[in-house]
Protein backbone atom coordinates (compact mmCIF):
# COMPACT_ATOMS: atom_id res chain seq x y z
CA UNK A 1 12.97 -24.72 32.32
CA UNK A 2 11.46 -27.34 30.01
CA UNK A 3 8.75 -25.22 28.36
CA UNK A 4 8.48 -21.49 27.60
CA UNK A 5 6.77 -18.97 29.87
CA UNK A 6 5.26 -15.65 28.77
CA UNK A 7 4.09 -12.21 29.86
CA UNK A 8 2.59 -9.44 27.73
CA UNK A 9 1.54 -5.80 27.82
CA UNK A 10 0.29 -3.13 25.44
CA UNK A 11 -0.62 0.52 25.52
CA UNK A 12 -2.09 3.02 23.07
CA UNK A 13 -1.19 6.69 22.92
CA UNK A 14 -0.67 9.27 20.15
CA UNK A 15 2.79 9.87 21.67
CA UNK A 16 5.18 6.92 21.31
CA UNK A 17 7.26 7.86 24.36
CA UNK A 18 4.14 7.87 26.53
CA UNK A 19 2.98 4.56 25.04
CA UNK A 20 6.39 2.98 25.71
CA UNK A 21 6.58 4.33 29.26
CA UNK A 22 3.14 3.02 30.16
CA UNK A 23 3.84 -0.33 28.52
CA UNK A 24 7.11 -0.76 30.46
CA UNK A 25 5.27 0.14 33.66
CA UNK A 26 2.63 -2.55 33.03
CA UNK A 27 4.93 -5.27 31.64
CA UNK A 28 5.40 -7.93 34.36
CA UNK A 29 8.90 -9.10 35.18
CA UNK A 30 9.77 -12.52 33.78
CA UNK A 31 12.83 -14.31 35.06
CA UNK A 32 15.05 -15.77 32.34
CA UNK A 33 13.17 -13.88 29.62
CA UNK A 34 15.29 -14.02 26.47
CA UNK A 35 12.99 -13.46 23.48
CA UNK A 36 10.64 -10.58 22.74
CA UNK A 37 7.94 -9.94 20.15
CA UNK A 38 7.16 -6.26 19.59
CA UNK A 39 4.53 -4.63 17.37
CA UNK A 40 4.50 -0.88 16.83
CA UNK A 41 1.80 1.09 15.03
CA UNK A 42 3.03 2.83 11.90
CA UNK A 43 2.37 6.25 13.44
CA UNK A 44 5.24 5.51 15.84
CA UNK A 45 7.60 4.00 13.27
CA UNK A 46 9.86 7.08 13.43
CA UNK A 47 10.70 6.09 17.01
CA UNK A 48 11.17 2.39 16.27
CA UNK A 49 14.93 2.19 16.83
CA UNK A 50 14.69 4.02 20.14
CA UNK A 51 11.70 1.89 21.21
CA UNK A 52 13.68 -1.27 20.51
CA UNK A 53 16.75 0.06 22.32
CA UNK A 54 14.77 1.02 25.43
CA UNK A 55 12.96 -2.32 25.52
CA UNK A 56 16.32 -4.10 25.45
CA UNK A 57 17.62 -1.88 28.21
CA UNK A 58 14.54 -2.25 30.45
CA UNK A 59 13.94 -5.98 30.05
CA UNK A 60 17.49 -7.19 29.56
CA UNK A 61 16.23 -9.14 26.54
CA UNK A 62 18.50 -8.65 23.53
CA UNK A 63 16.70 -10.92 21.04
CA UNK A 64 13.63 -9.25 19.47
CA UNK A 65 11.43 -9.83 16.45
CA UNK A 66 8.36 -7.93 15.30
CA UNK A 67 6.90 -5.50 12.80
CA UNK A 68 5.02 -2.27 12.25
CA UNK A 69 1.28 -2.41 11.67
CA UNK A 70 -1.59 -0.09 10.84
CA UNK A 71 -2.99 -1.39 14.12
CA UNK A 72 -1.63 -3.31 17.10
CA UNK A 73 -3.27 -6.12 19.07
CA UNK A 74 -3.06 -6.59 22.82
CA UNK A 75 -5.23 -6.66 25.91
CA UNK A 76 -5.05 -2.86 26.28
CA UNK A 77 -5.02 -2.01 22.58
CA UNK A 78 -7.87 -0.63 20.47
CA UNK A 79 -7.99 -1.10 16.71
CA UNK A 80 -6.92 2.03 14.88
CA UNK A 81 -5.28 3.72 17.89
CA UNK A 82 -1.47 4.13 17.75
CA UNK A 83 0.46 2.15 20.31
CA UNK A 84 2.87 -0.67 21.15
CA UNK A 85 2.28 -4.34 22.01
CA UNK A 86 4.85 -6.73 23.50
CA UNK A 87 5.04 -10.45 24.29
CA UNK A 88 8.06 -11.64 26.31
CA UNK A 89 9.08 -15.29 26.45
CA UNK A 90 11.50 -17.33 28.55
CA UNK A 91 12.92 -20.16 26.45
CA UNK A 92 15.82 -22.52 26.79
CA UNK A 93 18.68 -20.74 24.96
CA UNK A 94 19.25 -23.62 22.55
CA UNK A 95 15.57 -23.81 21.50
CA UNK A 96 15.42 -20.79 19.12
CA UNK A 97 17.42 -18.70 16.68
CA UNK A 98 16.62 -15.31 15.15
CA UNK A 99 17.33 -14.95 11.44
CA UNK A 100 17.11 -12.46 8.57
CA UNK A 101 18.68 -11.81 5.19
CA UNK A 102 21.65 -10.36 7.03
CA UNK A 103 21.75 -13.16 9.58
CA UNK A 104 21.04 -16.62 8.10
CA UNK A 105 20.10 -19.54 10.30
CA UNK A 106 23.20 -21.47 11.46
CA UNK A 107 23.66 -24.75 9.65
CA UNK A 108 23.73 -26.76 12.88
CA UNK A 109 20.26 -25.52 13.94
CA UNK A 110 17.33 -27.59 12.67
CA UNK A 111 14.09 -25.56 12.60
CA UNK A 112 10.81 -27.34 13.32
CA UNK A 113 8.68 -24.20 13.33
CA UNK A 114 9.09 -20.47 12.77
CA UNK A 115 7.29 -17.17 13.21
CA UNK A 116 8.16 -14.63 10.53
CA UNK A 117 7.54 -11.08 9.35
CA UNK A 118 7.94 -9.71 5.81
CA UNK A 119 8.25 -6.47 3.91
CA UNK A 120 5.10 -5.96 1.76
CA UNK A 121 7.19 -4.55 -1.11
CA UNK A 122 9.32 -7.68 -1.46
CA UNK A 123 8.84 -9.20 -4.95
CA UNK A 124 7.47 -12.75 -5.21
CA UNK A 125 6.42 -12.78 -1.56
CA UNK A 126 4.27 -15.90 -1.92
CA UNK A 127 7.22 -17.83 -3.37
CA UNK A 128 9.47 -16.59 -0.54
CA UNK A 129 6.99 -17.83 2.06
CA UNK A 130 6.63 -21.20 0.33
CA UNK A 131 10.42 -21.59 0.14
CA UNK A 132 10.76 -20.78 3.85
CA UNK A 133 8.09 -23.32 4.76
CA UNK A 134 9.98 -26.02 2.88
CA UNK A 135 13.10 -25.34 4.96
CA UNK A 136 11.27 -26.11 8.20
CA UNK A 137 11.42 -29.74 9.29
CA UNK A 138 8.03 -29.66 11.02
CA UNK A 139 6.39 -27.48 8.36
CA UNK A 140 4.90 -25.12 10.96
CA UNK A 141 5.31 -21.60 9.63
CA UNK A 142 3.24 -18.61 10.77
CA UNK A 143 3.49 -14.84 10.81
CA UNK A 144 2.46 -11.71 8.99
CA UNK A 145 3.43 -9.03 6.50
CA UNK A 146 4.36 -5.68 8.02
CA UNK A 147 1.94 -2.87 7.21
CA UNK A 148 2.15 0.91 7.22
CA UNK A 149 0.80 3.97 5.45
CA UNK A 150 4.42 4.85 4.57
CA UNK A 151 7.47 2.62 5.13
CA UNK A 152 6.78 -0.78 6.70
CA UNK A 153 9.46 -2.22 8.99
CA UNK A 154 10.15 -5.66 10.40
CA UNK A 155 12.49 -6.49 13.26
CA UNK A 156 15.06 -9.22 13.81
CA UNK A 157 17.34 -7.77 16.53
CA UNK A 158 17.45 -4.64 14.36
CA UNK A 159 15.02 -2.64 12.22
CA UNK A 160 14.84 -3.96 8.65
CA UNK A 161 13.18 -3.36 5.30
CA UNK A 162 12.99 -5.86 2.45
CA UNK A 163 12.75 -9.62 2.55
CA UNK A 164 11.74 -11.85 5.42
CA UNK A 165 12.94 -12.31 8.99
CA UNK A 166 11.82 -14.03 12.16
CA UNK A 167 12.57 -16.60 14.80
CA UNK A 168 12.93 -20.34 14.25
CA UNK A 169 12.27 -22.92 16.96
CA UNK A 170 13.67 -26.36 17.58
CA UNK A 171 11.60 -29.49 18.08
CA UNK A 172 11.13 -28.91 21.82
CA UNK A 173 8.97 -25.82 21.24
CA UNK A 174 5.40 -26.79 20.36
CA UNK A 175 3.22 -24.33 18.46
CA UNK A 176 -0.04 -24.65 16.56
CA UNK A 177 -1.70 -22.12 14.26
CA UNK A 178 -5.34 -21.67 13.30
CA UNK A 179 -6.65 -19.75 10.29
CA UNK A 180 -9.94 -17.85 10.19
CA UNK A 181 -10.78 -16.85 6.64
CA UNK A 182 -13.60 -14.60 7.76
CA UNK A 183 -15.82 -15.92 5.00
CA UNK A 184 -18.60 -18.42 4.37
CA UNK A 185 -18.02 -20.58 1.25
CA UNK A 186 -20.95 -20.63 -1.16
CA UNK A 187 -22.05 -23.90 -2.81
CA UNK A 188 -20.25 -25.12 -5.91
CA UNK A 189 -16.66 -25.61 -7.05
CA UNK A 190 -15.72 -23.40 -10.00
CA UNK A 191 -13.05 -23.39 -12.68
CA UNK A 192 -11.75 -20.41 -14.66
CA UNK A 193 -11.87 -21.46 -18.30
CA UNK A 194 -10.82 -18.16 -19.87
CA UNK A 195 -8.82 -15.37 -18.27
CA UNK A 196 -6.27 -12.68 -19.02
CA UNK A 197 -4.11 -11.38 -16.18
CA UNK A 198 -6.65 -10.28 -13.52
CA UNK A 199 -9.68 -10.43 -15.82
CA UNK A 200 -11.89 -13.52 -15.55
CA UNK A 201 -13.82 -13.88 -18.81
CA UNK A 202 -15.46 -17.29 -18.56
CA UNK A 203 -16.22 -19.62 -15.64
CA UNK A 204 -17.03 -23.26 -16.37
CA UNK A 205 -17.33 -22.24 -20.03
CA UNK A 206 -19.94 -19.54 -19.34
CA UNK A 207 -19.74 -15.72 -19.16
CA UNK A 208 -18.20 -14.81 -15.81
CA UNK A 209 -20.75 -12.18 -14.74
CA UNK A 210 -23.65 -14.56 -15.46
CA UNK A 211 -22.12 -17.15 -13.13
CA UNK A 212 -21.49 -14.44 -10.53
CA UNK A 213 -25.15 -13.35 -10.61
CA UNK A 214 -26.30 -16.92 -10.00
CA UNK A 215 -23.88 -17.38 -7.12
CA UNK A 216 -24.99 -14.12 -5.51
CA UNK A 217 -28.66 -15.10 -5.57
CA UNK A 218 -31.67 -12.95 -6.51
CA UNK A 219 -31.46 -10.50 -3.59
CA UNK A 220 -27.77 -9.63 -3.94
CA UNK A 221 -27.83 -9.84 -7.74
CA UNK A 222 -30.38 -7.02 -7.75
CA UNK A 223 -27.66 -4.72 -6.36
CA UNK A 224 -24.41 -5.67 -8.11
CA UNK A 225 -22.40 -2.96 -6.35
CA UNK A 226 -23.33 -4.48 -2.98
CA UNK A 227 -22.83 -7.99 -4.34
CA UNK A 228 -19.29 -7.18 -5.50
CA UNK A 229 -18.37 -5.88 -2.04
CA UNK A 230 -19.93 -8.88 -0.24
CA UNK A 231 -18.81 -11.78 -2.43
CA UNK A 232 -15.18 -12.61 -3.09
CA UNK A 233 -13.19 -15.17 -5.00
CA UNK A 234 -11.49 -17.92 -3.01
CA UNK A 235 -8.66 -19.38 -5.10
CA UNK A 236 -7.99 -23.05 -4.38
CA UNK A 237 -5.28 -25.49 -5.44
CA UNK A 238 -7.76 -28.23 -6.29
CA UNK A 239 -11.50 -28.83 -6.33
CA UNK A 240 -11.56 -31.00 -3.22
CA UNK A 241 -10.48 -28.94 -0.21
CA UNK A 242 -12.99 -26.11 0.25
CA UNK A 243 -11.41 -25.02 3.54
CA UNK A 244 -8.03 -23.92 2.18
CA UNK A 245 -8.34 -20.97 -0.17
CA UNK A 246 -6.80 -17.56 -0.77
CA UNK A 247 -9.33 -14.75 -0.86
CA UNK A 248 -9.19 -12.20 -3.68
CA UNK A 249 -11.34 -9.08 -3.85
CA UNK A 250 -13.61 -8.35 -6.80
CA UNK A 251 -12.46 -5.00 -8.19
CA UNK A 252 -15.05 -4.52 -10.92
CA UNK A 253 -17.82 -6.15 -12.93
CA UNK A 254 -17.81 -5.27 -16.63
CA UNK A 255 -21.42 -5.80 -17.69
CA UNK A 256 -20.69 -5.06 -21.35
CA UNK A 257 -18.07 -7.77 -21.75
CA UNK A 258 -19.36 -10.03 -18.92
CA UNK A 259 -15.91 -10.04 -17.27
CA UNK A 260 -14.90 -9.94 -13.60
CA UNK A 261 -11.76 -8.10 -12.49
CA UNK A 262 -10.08 -9.22 -9.26
CA UNK A 263 -6.99 -7.99 -7.39
CA UNK A 264 -4.77 -10.86 -8.52
CA UNK A 265 -3.59 -12.49 -11.71
CA UNK A 266 -5.22 -15.83 -12.52
CA UNK A 267 -4.70 -18.54 -15.10
CA UNK A 268 -6.91 -20.70 -17.26
CA UNK A 269 -7.84 -23.84 -15.34
CA UNK A 270 -7.58 -22.16 -11.93
CA UNK A 271 -10.00 -23.64 -9.37
CA UNK A 272 -11.95 -21.36 -7.05
CA UNK A 273 -15.07 -20.92 -4.99
CA UNK A 274 -17.23 -17.88 -4.33
CA UNK A 275 -17.24 -16.82 -0.67
CA UNK A 276 -19.41 -14.43 1.28
CA UNK A 277 -17.67 -11.98 3.59
CA UNK A 278 -19.47 -9.96 6.24
CA UNK A 279 -19.24 -9.39 9.99
CA UNK A 280 -21.47 -12.29 10.97
CA UNK A 281 -19.73 -14.78 8.67
CA UNK A 282 -16.36 -13.59 9.97
CA UNK A 283 -17.33 -13.99 13.63
CA UNK A 284 -18.77 -17.46 13.06
CA UNK A 285 -15.61 -18.56 11.26
CA UNK A 286 -13.41 -17.12 14.04
CA UNK A 287 -15.37 -19.07 16.65
CA UNK A 288 -15.04 -22.20 14.51
CA UNK A 289 -11.26 -21.77 14.23
CA UNK A 290 -10.80 -21.14 17.96
CA UNK A 291 -12.89 -24.16 18.89
CA UNK A 292 -10.78 -26.37 16.62
CA UNK A 293 -7.60 -24.99 18.21
CA UNK A 294 -8.96 -25.57 21.71
CA UNK A 295 -9.72 -29.19 20.89
CA UNK A 296 -6.22 -29.63 19.45
CA UNK A 297 -4.49 -28.28 22.58
CA UNK A 298 -3.32 -31.04 24.95
CA UNK A 299 -3.28 -28.43 27.74
CA UNK A 300 -4.02 -24.69 28.07
CA UNK A 301 -1.66 -22.59 25.91
CA UNK A 302 0.98 -20.46 27.61
CA UNK A 303 1.13 -17.58 25.16
CA UNK A 304 -0.23 -16.40 21.82
CA UNK A 305 0.44 -14.26 18.76
CA UNK A 306 -2.52 -12.99 16.73
CA UNK A 307 -2.15 -11.56 13.23
CA UNK A 308 -5.28 -10.04 11.70
CA UNK A 309 -5.71 -8.49 8.29
CA UNK A 310 -5.75 -4.69 8.24
CA UNK A 311 -9.25 -4.88 6.70
CA UNK A 312 -10.66 -6.76 9.71
CA UNK A 313 -10.83 -5.26 13.21
CA UNK A 314 -13.35 -2.46 13.54
CA UNK A 315 -13.79 -2.37 9.75
CA UNK A 316 -15.40 -5.82 9.69
CA UNK A 317 -16.88 -6.24 13.17
CA UNK A 318 -19.31 -4.15 15.17
CA UNK A 319 -16.67 -3.36 17.81
CA UNK A 320 -12.91 -2.80 17.62
CA UNK A 321 -12.16 -5.45 20.24
CA UNK A 322 -14.45 -8.21 18.91
CA UNK A 323 -11.63 -10.55 17.84
CA UNK A 324 -9.71 -10.23 21.10
CA UNK A 325 -12.87 -10.73 23.18
CA UNK A 326 -13.76 -13.91 21.27
CA UNK A 327 -10.20 -15.24 21.82
CA UNK A 328 -10.51 -14.48 25.54
CA UNK A 329 -13.82 -16.33 25.75
CA UNK A 330 -12.11 -19.49 24.52
CA UNK A 331 -8.60 -19.28 26.00
CA UNK A 332 -8.93 -16.83 28.86
CA UNK A 333 -6.60 -13.91 29.55
CA UNK A 334 -3.41 -15.55 28.20
CA UNK A 335 -0.33 -13.42 27.39
CA UNK A 336 -0.88 -12.19 23.83
CA UNK A 337 0.47 -9.69 21.32
CA UNK A 338 -0.06 -9.09 17.62
CA UNK A 339 -0.78 -6.64 14.84
CA UNK A 340 -2.96 -5.84 11.84
CA UNK A 341 -1.04 -6.94 8.78
CA UNK A 342 -0.82 -6.53 5.02
CA UNK A 343 -0.97 -10.31 4.67
CA UNK A 344 -1.09 -13.33 6.95
CA UNK A 345 1.16 -16.41 6.84
CA UNK A 346 0.24 -19.97 7.78
CA UNK A 347 1.91 -23.11 6.50
CA UNK A 348 3.27 -22.47 3.02
CA UNK A 349 0.54 -19.96 2.12
CA UNK A 350 0.31 -16.19 2.11
CA UNK A 351 -3.27 -15.21 2.92
CA UNK A 352 -5.33 -12.05 2.89
CA UNK A 353 -8.43 -11.00 4.87
CA UNK A 354 -7.68 -13.66 7.51
CA UNK A 355 -6.99 -13.86 11.21
CA UNK A 356 -4.29 -16.33 12.33
CA UNK A 357 -3.74 -17.32 15.94
CA UNK A 358 -0.49 -19.04 16.92
CA UNK A 359 -0.41 -20.72 20.32
CA UNK A 360 2.64 -21.75 22.32
CA UNK A 361 1.89 -24.98 24.18
């Protein structure tokens, strides 16, 4: 067995026992399966330990990673409906290791890629993700932040809260990850020249709201409430790469002081761009990302994990299954599982409002 093989299944039901029973019934057998990814909607989190135990018993797979989500992703899953989604893989035993705060990676295992899950309440999450990325020889880190209306859980053989956990792969396992920001960048690179915490006071030396009005254009600027919900701030590390940015939502426009409030602290000198976010822009960017992944694949992928922001799905698109259908159009009906997250991870960045697709080659 030189390369991994995969099968997947999902099922939605308001009753977790029914969802698990139907999923187990539909899950194809996979010889030599030894690693599982499981995503459970937060409505079923109270049954998480039993779900994990029964999956181990039914499949014979003892090594599991995963998370809770406000929505699950799978071929038989619908955004917003409670359920369970599973991806099973058959790997060479020496090609992966599961890790967590309780179970560090062994020193003799060299990770070239990893898929991780995090607790949303962990302090300094962005720094934790960046530190993890630096520990990976190949620099290929992907994953998502667990989400829930109450307690969010992540899984690394057991149910966990706090910190980060996941599975690391050796150099023989090839994965690639694509990022869809769901936005269309507007013209112009910007720089914050005066700010305090999350309040942007001046942009390029001018009052922030004045610059925002110009970026929005006459039509949107005539309705600032609509403009603030359509345009967002894309924080960048420099003024050159307009493709890599972290989206931040505009919380308020203070017309008296000409300040913009966003849902993140910023600093003087921070580079950013304005981006437009709507269903059409999001679908176009998803298609763009998938096409780039397809061109980068030396052969059809064998399995996939899709992590989508909790504010995407049916909230952003006309239909709940838009994202999955677009993925199918490009890659066919490949084994796939995933969830709607409180944050998405790719490389050394923690993103928001994005969709990230990780493919096993």
